[in-house]
Amino acid sequence: MRTAAEHRALFLQTYRLAGERLRALAAGLAPGSWAVILDADETVLDNSEQQRRTAERGGFDEAAWNEWVREARAPALPGAAEFIAEVRRLSGRVVIVTNRQEAVCPETRRNFQALAIAVDAVLCRPPAGGDKNPRFQAVQQGGVPGLPPLRVLMWVGDNIQDFPGLTQATRTAPDSALAAFGRAYFLLPNPMYGSWERNP
């Protein structure tokens, strides 16, 4: 992944297609009335260096992960910064919904600032758990401080759980369950880790 031309091409391809689709979806909407929700890790931020360290250690360690996050030096993935700039050019809002812990949310925001990626909100994982659906609803219902209720036009992520109401159970669902992909949902490749690891 860290050296493959295909990985870079897949990210650029997906973000370009998402940008084209977004221009159609946003046409005629009032400025600031709509948003795009993106995941952070392996969607906008490249943590493959941390994954390399994890492989050397022999396994995931949450303390080591948080130490990496506090470094706030994950680079942007190909196409991510350009896509987010396009959202803003079209007068949309950008909300990051991540399962990074609240304790490292300030460093996560600092990482975006260091990359000159402007986002309107970063919603980290609350103590209650990692289900992103309540945070998606908060964006839509006006439950995010400093933001009005927003019409979410698009979700971008690397995990099936980055999309409303979807889980790994979707792998056995009919194709109709995936109808929003390529329209309002855009999925990026992450062969390193994910909820798929717990599949039987």
N, C-alpha and C. Protein backbone atom coordinates (compact mmCIF):
# COMPACT_ATOMS: atom_id res chain seq x y z
N MET A 1 0.82 -1.20 0.00
CA MET A 1 0.00 0.00 0.00
C MET A 1 0.85 1.25 0.00
N ARG A 2 1.93 1.26 0.79
CA ARG A 2 2.75 2.46 0.93
C ARG A 2 3.54 2.78 -0.33
N THR A 3 3.72 1.81 -1.19
CA THR A 3 4.54 2.03 -2.38
C THR A 3 3.80 1.79 -3.69
N ALA A 4 2.55 1.33 -3.63
CA ALA A 4 1.84 0.92 -4.84
C ALA A 4 1.28 2.11 -5.62
N ALA A 5 1.56 2.14 -6.91
CA ALA A 5 0.97 3.14 -7.79
C ALA A 5 -0.55 3.00 -7.80
N GLU A 6 -1.03 1.76 -7.68
CA GLU A 6 -2.48 1.51 -7.73
C GLU A 6 -3.20 2.19 -6.56
N HIS A 7 -2.56 2.19 -5.39
CA HIS A 7 -3.19 2.80 -4.23
C HIS A 7 -3.39 4.30 -4.47
N ARG A 8 -2.37 4.96 -4.94
CA ARG A 8 -2.49 6.39 -5.24
C ARG A 8 -3.56 6.64 -6.30
N ALA A 9 -3.54 5.81 -7.34
CA ALA A 9 -4.51 6.00 -8.42
C ALA A 9 -5.94 5.80 -7.93
N LEU A 10 -6.17 4.82 -7.06
CA LEU A 10 -7.51 4.57 -6.53
C LEU A 10 -8.03 5.76 -5.74
N PHE A 11 -7.17 6.37 -4.93
CA PHE A 11 -7.59 7.53 -4.16
C PHE A 11 -7.91 8.71 -5.07
N LEU A 12 -7.02 8.98 -6.02
CA LEU A 12 -7.27 10.09 -6.94
C LEU A 12 -8.54 9.85 -7.75
N GLN A 13 -8.72 8.63 -8.23
CA GLN A 13 -9.92 8.29 -9.00
C GLN A 13 -11.18 8.53 -8.18
N THR A 14 -11.20 8.02 -6.95
CA THR A 14 -12.39 8.11 -6.12
C THR A 14 -12.72 9.55 -5.77
N TYR A 15 -11.69 10.31 -5.38
CA TYR A 15 -11.95 11.71 -5.02
C TYR A 15 -12.35 12.54 -6.23
N ARG A 16 -11.80 12.26 -7.39
CA ARG A 16 -12.21 12.99 -8.60
C ARG A 16 -13.67 12.71 -8.93
N LEU A 17 -14.05 11.43 -8.86
CA LEU A 17 -15.45 11.08 -9.14
C LEU A 17 -16.39 11.67 -8.10
N ALA A 18 -15.97 11.65 -6.83
CA ALA A 18 -16.79 12.25 -5.78
C ALA A 18 -16.97 13.75 -6.03
N GLY A 19 -15.91 14.42 -6.46
CA GLY A 19 -16.00 15.84 -6.74
C GLY A 19 -16.95 16.14 -7.88
N GLU A 20 -16.90 15.33 -8.93
CA GLU A 20 -17.82 15.51 -10.05
C GLU A 20 -19.27 15.32 -9.61
N ARG A 21 -19.50 14.29 -8.83
CA ARG A 21 -20.84 14.02 -8.35
C ARG A 21 -21.33 15.13 -7.42
N LEU A 22 -20.43 15.63 -6.58
CA LEU A 22 -20.80 16.67 -5.64
C LEU A 22 -21.23 17.95 -6.36
N ARG A 23 -20.57 18.29 -7.43
CA ARG A 23 -20.95 19.50 -8.17
C ARG A 23 -22.40 19.41 -8.66
N ALA A 24 -22.81 18.22 -9.05
CA ALA A 24 -24.20 18.03 -9.48
C ALA A 24 -25.15 18.09 -8.29
N LEU A 25 -24.79 17.47 -7.18
CA LEU A 25 -25.66 17.44 -6.01
C LEU A 25 -25.84 18.81 -5.38
N ALA A 26 -24.79 19.63 -5.42
CA ALA A 26 -24.82 20.93 -4.73
C ALA A 26 -25.42 22.04 -5.58
N ALA A 27 -25.65 21.79 -6.85
CA ALA A 27 -26.16 22.83 -7.74
C ALA A 27 -27.47 23.40 -7.22
N GLY A 28 -27.51 24.71 -7.06
CA GLY A 28 -28.73 25.40 -6.65
C GLY A 28 -29.00 25.43 -5.16
N LEU A 29 -28.16 24.79 -4.35
CA LEU A 29 -28.39 24.80 -2.90
C LEU A 29 -27.82 26.06 -2.26
N ALA A 30 -28.44 26.51 -1.20
CA ALA A 30 -27.99 27.72 -0.51
C ALA A 30 -26.61 27.50 0.09
N PRO A 31 -25.71 28.48 -0.04
CA PRO A 31 -24.37 28.35 0.55
C PRO A 31 -24.45 28.09 2.06
N GLY A 32 -23.64 27.15 2.53
CA GLY A 32 -23.58 26.85 3.95
C GLY A 32 -24.71 26.01 4.49
N SER A 33 -25.61 25.57 3.61
CA SER A 33 -26.78 24.81 4.08
C SER A 33 -26.55 23.30 4.03
N TRP A 34 -25.44 22.89 3.44
CA TRP A 34 -25.20 21.46 3.23
C TRP A 34 -23.77 21.10 3.62
N ALA A 35 -23.54 19.80 3.72
CA ALA A 35 -22.23 19.33 4.19
C ALA A 35 -21.84 18.03 3.52
N VAL A 36 -20.55 17.76 3.63
CA VAL A 36 -19.98 16.44 3.33
C VAL A 36 -19.37 15.93 4.62
N ILE A 37 -19.63 14.67 4.95
CA ILE A 37 -19.04 14.03 6.12
C ILE A 37 -17.96 13.07 5.63
N LEU A 38 -16.78 13.20 6.22
CA LEU A 38 -15.67 12.30 5.90
C LEU A 38 -15.15 11.66 7.18
N ASP A 39 -14.68 10.44 7.07
CA ASP A 39 -13.89 9.81 8.11
C ASP A 39 -12.51 10.48 8.09
N ALA A 40 -11.71 10.25 9.12
CA ALA A 40 -10.36 10.81 9.17
C ALA A 40 -9.31 9.80 8.69
N ASP A 41 -9.19 8.70 9.43
CA ASP A 41 -8.07 7.78 9.22
C ASP A 41 -8.26 6.89 8.00
N GLU A 42 -7.26 6.90 7.15
CA GLU A 42 -7.25 6.15 5.89
C GLU A 42 -8.32 6.65 4.92
N THR A 43 -8.85 7.84 5.20
CA THR A 43 -9.76 8.53 4.29
C THR A 43 -9.15 9.87 3.90
N VAL A 44 -8.80 10.65 4.93
CA VAL A 44 -8.09 11.92 4.70
C VAL A 44 -6.65 11.81 5.18
N LEU A 45 -6.45 11.18 6.32
CA LEU A 45 -5.11 11.08 6.93
C LEU A 45 -4.51 9.69 6.70
N ASP A 46 -3.25 9.69 6.31
CA ASP A 46 -2.51 8.46 6.01
C ASP A 46 -1.72 8.04 7.25
N ASN A 47 -2.17 6.94 7.88
CA ASN A 47 -1.52 6.42 9.08
C ASN A 47 -0.68 5.18 8.80
N SER A 48 -0.28 5.00 7.56
CA SER A 48 0.45 3.78 7.21
C SER A 48 1.81 3.70 7.92
N GLU A 49 2.39 4.84 8.27
CA GLU A 49 3.64 4.80 9.05
C GLU A 49 3.38 4.19 10.42
N GLN A 50 2.29 4.56 11.05
CA GLN A 50 1.93 3.94 12.33
C GLN A 50 1.65 2.45 12.15
N GLN A 51 1.02 2.08 11.06
CA GLN A 51 0.74 0.67 10.81
C GLN A 51 2.04 -0.11 10.60
N ARG A 52 3.01 0.53 9.98
CA ARG A 52 4.33 -0.10 9.81
C ARG A 52 4.96 -0.34 11.18
N ARG A 53 4.87 0.64 12.06
CA ARG A 53 5.40 0.49 13.41
C ARG A 53 4.67 -0.63 14.16
N THR A 54 3.35 -0.68 13.96
CA THR A 54 2.54 -1.73 14.60
C THR A 54 3.00 -3.11 14.17
N ALA A 55 3.27 -3.26 12.87
CA ALA A 55 3.75 -4.54 12.35
C ALA A 55 5.08 -4.92 12.98
N GLU A 56 5.95 -3.95 13.17
CA GLU A 56 7.25 -4.23 13.80
C GLU A 56 7.08 -4.64 15.26
N ARG A 57 6.10 -4.03 15.95
CA ARG A 57 5.85 -4.37 17.36
C ARG A 57 5.15 -5.71 17.50
N GLY A 58 4.44 -6.12 16.45
CA GLY A 58 3.75 -7.40 16.50
C GLY A 58 2.27 -7.31 16.82
N GLY A 59 1.71 -6.10 16.85
CA GLY A 59 0.28 -5.99 17.10
C GLY A 59 -0.13 -4.59 17.50
N PHE A 60 -1.45 -4.33 17.43
CA PHE A 60 -1.99 -3.02 17.75
C PHE A 60 -1.92 -2.76 19.24
N ASP A 61 -1.57 -1.53 19.59
CA ASP A 61 -1.53 -1.10 20.98
C ASP A 61 -2.14 0.30 21.03
N GLU A 62 -3.22 0.46 21.80
CA GLU A 62 -3.95 1.73 21.78
C GLU A 62 -3.10 2.90 22.29
N ALA A 63 -2.26 2.64 23.29
CA ALA A 63 -1.40 3.71 23.80
C ALA A 63 -0.42 4.18 22.72
N ALA A 64 0.12 3.23 21.97
CA ALA A 64 1.04 3.59 20.88
C ALA A 64 0.31 4.33 19.77
N TRP A 65 -0.94 3.92 19.51
CA TRP A 65 -1.75 4.63 18.51
C TRP A 65 -1.98 6.08 18.93
N ASN A 66 -2.38 6.29 20.18
CA ASN A 66 -2.61 7.65 20.65
C ASN A 66 -1.34 8.48 20.66
N GLU A 67 -0.23 7.84 20.92
CA GLU A 67 1.07 8.53 20.84
C GLU A 67 1.33 9.02 19.41
N TRP A 68 1.01 8.17 18.43
CA TRP A 68 1.14 8.57 17.02
C TRP A 68 0.22 9.75 16.71
N VAL A 69 -1.04 9.66 17.17
CA VAL A 69 -1.99 10.74 16.91
C VAL A 69 -1.48 12.05 17.49
N ARG A 70 -0.88 12.00 18.67
CA ARG A 70 -0.37 13.21 19.32
C ARG A 70 0.80 13.82 18.54
N GLU A 71 1.45 13.04 17.73
CA GLU A 71 2.50 13.62 16.87
C GLU A 71 1.91 14.58 15.85
N ALA A 72 0.65 14.37 15.48
CA ALA A 72 -0.09 15.24 14.55
C ALA A 72 0.69 15.46 13.26
N ARG A 73 1.25 14.38 12.73
CA ARG A 73 2.02 14.53 11.48
C ARG A 73 1.65 13.50 10.42
N ALA A 74 0.44 12.95 10.52
CA ALA A 74 -0.03 12.07 9.45
C ALA A 74 -0.21 12.91 8.18
N PRO A 75 0.34 12.47 7.05
CA PRO A 75 0.16 13.23 5.81
C PRO A 75 -1.24 13.01 5.24
N ALA A 76 -1.60 13.88 4.31
CA ALA A 76 -2.89 13.73 3.62
C ALA A 76 -2.78 12.65 2.55
N LEU A 77 -3.86 11.91 2.37
CA LEU A 77 -3.92 10.92 1.30
C LEU A 77 -4.17 11.59 -0.04
N PRO A 78 -3.78 10.95 -1.14
CA PRO A 78 -3.92 11.58 -2.46
C PRO A 78 -5.36 12.00 -2.76
N GLY A 79 -5.51 13.23 -3.18
CA GLY A 79 -6.81 13.75 -3.59
C GLY A 79 -7.67 14.29 -2.48
N ALA A 80 -7.36 13.98 -1.22
CA ALA A 80 -8.23 14.36 -0.10
C ALA A 80 -8.28 15.88 0.08
N ALA A 81 -7.12 16.52 0.13
CA ALA A 81 -7.10 17.98 0.35
C ALA A 81 -7.79 18.70 -0.79
N GLU A 82 -7.58 18.24 -2.01
CA GLU A 82 -8.20 18.89 -3.17
C GLU A 82 -9.71 18.73 -3.14
N PHE A 83 -10.19 17.55 -2.74
CA PHE A 83 -11.63 17.33 -2.64
C PHE A 83 -12.25 18.24 -1.59
N ILE A 84 -11.62 18.31 -0.42
CA ILE A 84 -12.15 19.16 0.65
C ILE A 84 -12.16 20.62 0.22
N ALA A 85 -11.11 21.04 -0.49
CA ALA A 85 -11.08 22.42 -1.00
C ALA A 85 -12.23 22.64 -1.98
N GLU A 86 -12.59 21.62 -2.75
CA GLU A 86 -13.71 21.74 -3.69
C GLU A 86 -15.03 21.86 -2.94
N VAL A 87 -15.20 21.11 -1.86
CA VAL A 87 -16.41 21.24 -1.04
C VAL A 87 -16.56 22.69 -0.60
N ARG A 88 -15.48 23.27 -0.12
CA ARG A 88 -15.52 24.64 0.39
C ARG A 88 -15.73 25.64 -0.75
N ARG A 89 -15.14 25.38 -1.90
CA ARG A 89 -15.34 26.26 -3.05
C ARG A 89 -16.81 26.30 -3.47
N LEU A 90 -17.47 25.15 -3.30
CA LEU A 90 -18.89 25.06 -3.64
C LEU A 90 -19.79 25.58 -2.52
N SER A 91 -19.18 26.11 -1.45
CA SER A 91 -19.89 26.70 -0.30
C SER A 91 -20.55 25.65 0.59
N GLY A 92 -19.93 24.47 0.67
CA GLY A 92 -20.40 23.44 1.59
C GLY A 92 -19.59 23.41 2.87
N ARG A 93 -20.09 22.70 3.85
CA ARG A 93 -19.40 22.50 5.12
C ARG A 93 -18.69 21.15 5.10
N VAL A 94 -17.61 21.05 5.85
CA VAL A 94 -16.84 19.82 5.94
C VAL A 94 -16.83 19.37 7.39
N VAL A 95 -17.35 18.16 7.64
CA VAL A 95 -17.39 17.62 8.99
C VAL A 95 -16.65 16.28 8.99
N ILE A 96 -15.70 16.15 9.89
CA ILE A 96 -14.95 14.90 10.07
C ILE A 96 -15.59 14.14 11.23
N VAL A 97 -16.02 12.92 10.96
CA VAL A 97 -16.56 12.05 12.01
C VAL A 97 -15.60 10.87 12.14
N THR A 98 -14.88 10.83 13.24
CA THR A 98 -13.81 9.86 13.44
C THR A 98 -13.99 9.10 14.74
N ASN A 99 -13.46 7.89 14.80
CA ASN A 99 -13.48 7.14 16.05
C ASN A 99 -12.18 7.27 16.82
N ARG A 100 -11.43 8.32 16.54
CA ARG A 100 -10.33 8.68 17.45
C ARG A 100 -10.95 9.12 18.77
N GLN A 101 -10.26 8.83 19.88
CA GLN A 101 -10.79 9.17 21.20
C GLN A 101 -10.85 10.68 21.39
N GLU A 102 -11.80 11.12 22.22
CA GLU A 102 -11.91 12.54 22.55
C GLU A 102 -10.61 13.10 23.11
N ALA A 103 -9.85 12.26 23.83
CA ALA A 103 -8.60 12.72 24.45
C ALA A 103 -7.58 13.21 23.43
N VAL A 104 -7.68 12.70 22.20
CA VAL A 104 -6.71 13.11 21.17
C VAL A 104 -7.38 13.94 20.07
N CYS A 105 -8.58 14.44 20.34
CA CYS A 105 -9.26 15.27 19.35
C CYS A 105 -8.50 16.58 19.09
N PRO A 106 -7.95 17.26 20.11
CA PRO A 106 -7.20 18.48 19.83
C PRO A 106 -6.02 18.25 18.88
N GLU A 107 -5.31 17.14 19.06
CA GLU A 107 -4.19 16.83 18.18
C GLU A 107 -4.66 16.49 16.78
N THR A 108 -5.84 15.87 16.69
CA THR A 108 -6.41 15.56 15.38
C THR A 108 -6.70 16.85 14.63
N ARG A 109 -7.32 17.81 15.31
CA ARG A 109 -7.58 19.11 14.68
C ARG A 109 -6.27 19.78 14.28
N ARG A 110 -5.26 19.65 15.13
CA ARG A 110 -3.96 20.26 14.83
C ARG A 110 -3.33 19.62 13.59
N ASN A 111 -3.53 18.33 13.40
CA ASN A 111 -3.02 17.64 12.22
C ASN A 111 -3.64 18.22 10.96
N PHE A 112 -4.96 18.43 10.98
CA PHE A 112 -5.63 19.05 9.83
C PHE A 112 -5.10 20.46 9.58
N GLN A 113 -4.90 21.21 10.64
CA GLN A 113 -4.38 22.58 10.49
C GLN A 113 -2.98 22.56 9.89
N ALA A 114 -2.14 21.62 10.33
CA ALA A 114 -0.78 21.53 9.81
C ALA A 114 -0.77 21.22 8.32
N LEU A 115 -1.80 20.53 7.84
CA LEU A 115 -1.92 20.19 6.42
C LEU A 115 -2.66 21.28 5.63
N ALA A 116 -3.07 22.35 6.32
CA ALA A 116 -3.85 23.43 5.70
C ALA A 116 -5.16 22.90 5.10
N ILE A 117 -5.75 21.90 5.79
CA ILE A 117 -7.05 21.36 5.40
C ILE A 117 -8.08 21.97 6.35
N ALA A 118 -8.94 22.81 5.81
CA ALA A 118 -9.93 23.53 6.62
C ALA A 118 -11.20 22.70 6.77
N VAL A 119 -11.54 22.38 8.02
CA VAL A 119 -12.76 21.63 8.31
C VAL A 119 -13.60 22.45 9.28
N ASP A 120 -14.91 22.25 9.23
CA ASP A 120 -15.82 23.00 10.10
C ASP A 120 -15.99 22.36 11.46
N ALA A 121 -15.84 21.04 11.54
CA ALA A 121 -15.97 20.35 12.82
C ALA A 121 -15.27 19.01 12.73
N VAL A 122 -14.72 18.58 13.88
CA VAL A 122 -14.16 17.24 14.03
C VAL A 122 -14.89 16.60 15.20
N LEU A 123 -15.64 15.54 14.92
CA LEU A 123 -16.42 14.85 15.94
C LEU A 123 -15.73 13.53 16.25
N CYS A 124 -15.13 13.46 17.43
CA CYS A 124 -14.41 12.25 17.84
C CYS A 124 -15.35 11.29 18.58
N ARG A 125 -14.81 10.12 18.92
CA ARG A 125 -15.62 9.07 19.53
C ARG A 125 -15.98 9.43 20.97
N PRO A 126 -17.26 9.45 21.30
CA PRO A 126 -17.64 9.72 22.69
C PRO A 126 -17.41 8.50 23.56
N PRO A 127 -17.39 8.67 24.87
CA PRO A 127 -17.18 7.53 25.77
C PRO A 127 -18.23 6.43 25.59
N ALA A 128 -19.42 6.81 25.10
CA ALA A 128 -20.51 5.83 24.95
C ALA A 128 -20.23 4.79 23.88
N GLY A 129 -19.30 5.05 22.96
CA GLY A 129 -18.99 4.04 21.95
C GLY A 129 -18.75 4.61 20.58
N GLY A 130 -18.39 3.70 19.66
CA GLY A 130 -17.94 4.12 18.34
C GLY A 130 -18.99 4.17 17.25
N ASP A 131 -20.26 3.96 17.57
CA ASP A 131 -21.30 4.05 16.56
C ASP A 131 -21.35 5.49 16.03
N LYS A 132 -21.16 5.66 14.75
CA LYS A 132 -21.12 7.00 14.17
C LYS A 132 -22.50 7.57 13.86
N ASN A 133 -23.52 6.73 13.85
CA ASN A 133 -24.85 7.19 13.43
C ASN A 133 -25.39 8.34 14.29
N PRO A 134 -25.23 8.33 15.62
CA PRO A 134 -25.70 9.49 16.38
C PRO A 134 -24.98 10.79 16.00
N ARG A 135 -23.72 10.70 15.64
CA ARG A 135 -22.99 11.90 15.22
C ARG A 135 -23.44 12.34 13.83
N PHE A 136 -23.72 11.40 12.95
CA PHE A 136 -24.29 11.76 11.64
C PHE A 136 -25.60 12.53 11.84
N GLN A 137 -26.43 12.02 12.75
CA GLN A 137 -27.72 12.66 13.01
C GLN A 137 -27.54 14.04 13.62
N ALA A 138 -26.53 14.20 14.48
CA ALA A 138 -26.28 15.50 15.09
C ALA A 138 -25.94 16.54 14.04
N VAL A 139 -25.17 16.15 13.02
CA VAL A 139 -24.85 17.07 11.93
C VAL A 139 -26.13 17.48 11.21
N GLN A 140 -27.00 16.53 10.97
CA GLN A 140 -28.23 16.79 10.23
C GLN A 140 -29.27 17.56 11.04
N GLN A 141 -29.25 17.38 12.36
CA GLN A 141 -30.28 17.96 13.21
C GLN A 141 -29.86 19.24 13.93
N GLY A 142 -28.63 19.70 13.68
CA GLY A 142 -28.18 20.91 14.33
C GLY A 142 -27.60 20.69 15.71
N GLY A 143 -27.10 19.50 15.97
CA GLY A 143 -26.54 19.20 17.28
C GLY A 143 -25.04 19.38 17.38
N VAL A 144 -24.42 20.05 16.41
CA VAL A 144 -22.98 20.29 16.44
C VAL A 144 -22.76 21.76 16.78
N PRO A 145 -22.08 22.07 17.88
CA PRO A 145 -21.88 23.48 18.26
C PRO A 145 -21.28 24.30 17.12
N GLY A 146 -21.90 25.44 16.88
CA GLY A 146 -21.39 26.35 15.85
C GLY A 146 -21.90 26.08 14.46
N LEU A 147 -22.68 25.01 14.29
CA LEU A 147 -23.21 24.68 12.96
C LEU A 147 -24.74 24.59 13.00
N PRO A 148 -25.39 25.05 11.94
CA PRO A 148 -26.84 24.87 11.84
C PRO A 148 -27.17 23.45 11.40
N PRO A 149 -28.43 23.05 11.39
CA PRO A 149 -28.78 21.77 10.77
C PRO A 149 -28.32 21.78 9.31
N LEU A 150 -27.71 20.69 8.90
CA LEU A 150 -27.13 20.63 7.56
C LEU A 150 -27.68 19.45 6.78
N ARG A 151 -27.90 19.68 5.51
CA ARG A 151 -28.26 18.60 4.60
C ARG A 151 -26.97 17.91 4.17
N VAL A 152 -26.81 16.65 4.51
CA VAL A 152 -25.58 15.93 4.16
C VAL A 152 -25.74 15.35 2.75
N LEU A 153 -24.92 15.82 1.84
CA LEU A 153 -24.99 15.37 0.46
C LEU A 153 -24.14 14.14 0.19
N MET A 154 -23.10 13.95 1.01
CA MET A 154 -22.16 12.89 0.68
C MET A 154 -21.40 12.44 1.93
N TRP A 155 -21.11 11.14 1.98
CA TRP A 155 -20.24 10.54 2.99
C TRP A 155 -19.05 9.92 2.27
N VAL A 156 -17.85 10.06 2.86
CA VAL A 156 -16.64 9.47 2.29
C VAL A 156 -15.92 8.73 3.42
N GLY A 157 -15.56 7.47 3.20
CA GLY A 157 -14.87 6.70 4.23
C GLY A 157 -14.17 5.49 3.68
N ASP A 158 -13.51 4.76 4.59
CA ASP A 158 -12.77 3.55 4.20
C ASP A 158 -13.35 2.30 4.85
N ASN A 159 -14.41 2.48 5.64
CA ASN A 159 -15.01 1.37 6.38
C ASN A 159 -16.52 1.42 6.14
N ILE A 160 -17.14 0.28 6.01
CA ILE A 160 -18.59 0.25 5.76
C ILE A 160 -19.36 0.99 6.85
N GLN A 161 -18.80 1.04 8.06
CA GLN A 161 -19.46 1.72 9.17
C GLN A 161 -19.30 3.25 9.11
N ASP A 162 -18.61 3.75 8.09
CA ASP A 162 -18.53 5.20 7.87
C ASP A 162 -19.75 5.72 7.12
N PHE A 163 -20.71 4.84 6.85
CA PHE A 163 -21.91 5.19 6.08
C PHE A 163 -23.16 4.87 6.90
N PRO A 164 -24.16 5.72 6.85
CA PRO A 164 -25.33 5.59 7.74
C PRO A 164 -25.99 4.23 7.69
N GLY A 165 -26.12 3.64 8.87
CA GLY A 165 -26.87 2.40 9.02
C GLY A 165 -26.22 1.14 8.49
N LEU A 166 -25.00 1.24 7.97
CA LEU A 166 -24.37 0.07 7.36
C LEU A 166 -23.37 -0.59 8.30
N THR A 167 -23.27 -1.92 8.20
CA THR A 167 -22.32 -2.71 8.98
C THR A 167 -21.77 -3.80 8.08
N GLN A 168 -20.92 -4.64 8.64
CA GLN A 168 -20.39 -5.75 7.87
C GLN A 168 -21.48 -6.72 7.43
N ALA A 169 -22.64 -6.69 8.08
CA ALA A 169 -23.75 -7.54 7.65
C ALA A 169 -24.18 -7.23 6.22
N THR A 170 -23.82 -6.06 5.74
CA THR A 170 -24.17 -5.65 4.37
C THR A 170 -23.52 -6.56 3.34
N ARG A 171 -22.48 -7.27 3.73
CA ARG A 171 -21.77 -8.12 2.75
C ARG A 171 -22.67 -9.22 2.19
N THR A 172 -23.74 -9.58 2.92
CA THR A 172 -24.65 -10.62 2.44
C THR A 172 -25.99 -10.05 2.00
N ALA A 173 -26.11 -8.72 2.01
CA ALA A 173 -27.37 -8.07 1.62
C ALA A 173 -27.47 -8.00 0.10
N PRO A 174 -28.65 -7.80 -0.45
CA PRO A 174 -28.78 -7.64 -1.89
C PRO A 174 -28.08 -6.36 -2.37
N ASP A 175 -27.77 -6.32 -3.65
CA ASP A 175 -27.07 -5.16 -4.21
C ASP A 175 -27.81 -3.86 -3.95
N SER A 176 -29.12 -3.92 -3.81
CA SER A 176 -29.90 -2.71 -3.57
C SER A 176 -29.48 -2.00 -2.28
N ALA A 177 -28.92 -2.76 -1.32
CA ALA A 177 -28.46 -2.15 -0.07
C ALA A 177 -27.26 -1.25 -0.29
N LEU A 178 -26.60 -1.40 -1.43
CA LEU A 178 -25.41 -0.61 -1.76
C LEU A 178 -25.69 0.43 -2.83
N ALA A 179 -26.96 0.75 -3.03
CA ALA A 179 -27.34 1.64 -4.13
C ALA A 179 -26.76 3.04 -4.02
N ALA A 180 -26.46 3.50 -2.80
CA ALA A 180 -25.95 4.87 -2.63
C ALA A 180 -24.48 5.01 -2.99
N PHE A 181 -23.76 3.89 -3.13
CA PHE A 181 -22.33 3.98 -3.45
C PHE A 181 -22.14 4.48 -4.88
N GLY A 182 -21.25 5.46 -5.00
CA GLY A 182 -21.02 6.10 -6.29
C GLY A 182 -21.99 7.24 -6.54
N ARG A 183 -22.95 7.42 -5.62
CA ARG A 183 -23.93 8.50 -5.74
C ARG A 183 -23.81 9.47 -4.57
N ALA A 184 -23.99 8.95 -3.36
CA ALA A 184 -23.82 9.77 -2.16
C ALA A 184 -22.76 9.20 -1.22
N TYR A 185 -22.39 7.93 -1.42
CA TYR A 185 -21.37 7.28 -0.61
C TYR A 185 -20.18 6.96 -1.50
N PHE A 186 -18.98 7.31 -1.00
CA PHE A 186 -17.75 7.00 -1.74
C PHE A 186 -16.78 6.30 -0.80
N LEU A 187 -16.38 5.10 -1.20
CA LEU A 187 -15.58 4.22 -0.37
C LEU A 187 -14.14 4.15 -0.89
N LEU A 188 -13.19 4.26 0.04
CA LEU A 188 -11.76 4.22 -0.29
C LEU A 188 -11.14 2.93 0.23
N PRO A 189 -10.07 2.45 -0.41
CA PRO A 189 -9.48 1.16 -0.01
C PRO A 189 -8.63 1.27 1.25
N ASN A 190 -8.81 0.32 2.15
CA ASN A 190 -7.95 0.19 3.33
C ASN A 190 -7.70 -1.29 3.58
N PRO A 191 -6.60 -1.82 3.04
CA PRO A 191 -6.29 -3.24 3.26
C PRO A 191 -5.57 -3.49 4.58
N MET A 192 -5.35 -2.44 5.39
CA MET A 192 -4.55 -2.60 6.61
C MET A 192 -5.38 -3.09 7.79
N TYR A 193 -6.55 -2.49 7.99
CA TYR A 193 -7.39 -2.84 9.15
C TYR A 193 -8.82 -2.38 8.86
N GLY A 194 -9.74 -2.87 9.67
CA GLY A 194 -11.13 -2.44 9.51
C GLY A 194 -12.07 -3.37 10.23
N SER A 195 -13.36 -3.04 10.20
CA SER A 195 -14.36 -3.89 10.84
C SER A 195 -14.44 -5.25 10.19
N TRP A 196 -13.96 -5.37 8.94
CA TRP A 196 -13.94 -6.65 8.23
C TRP A 196 -13.08 -7.70 8.93
N GLU A 197 -12.14 -7.24 9.77
CA GLU A 197 -11.25 -8.19 10.46
C GLU A 197 -12.03 -9.12 11.39
N ARG A 198 -13.22 -8.71 11.82
CA ARG A 198 -14.01 -9.52 12.75
C ARG A 198 -15.01 -10.42 12.03
N ASN A 199 -15.02 -10.39 10.70
CA ASN A 199 -15.92 -11.27 9.96
C ASN A 199 -15.54 -12.73 10.17
N PRO A 200 -16.52 -13.62 10.24
CA PRO A 200 -16.19 -15.05 10.38
C PRO A 200 -15.50 -15.56 9.13
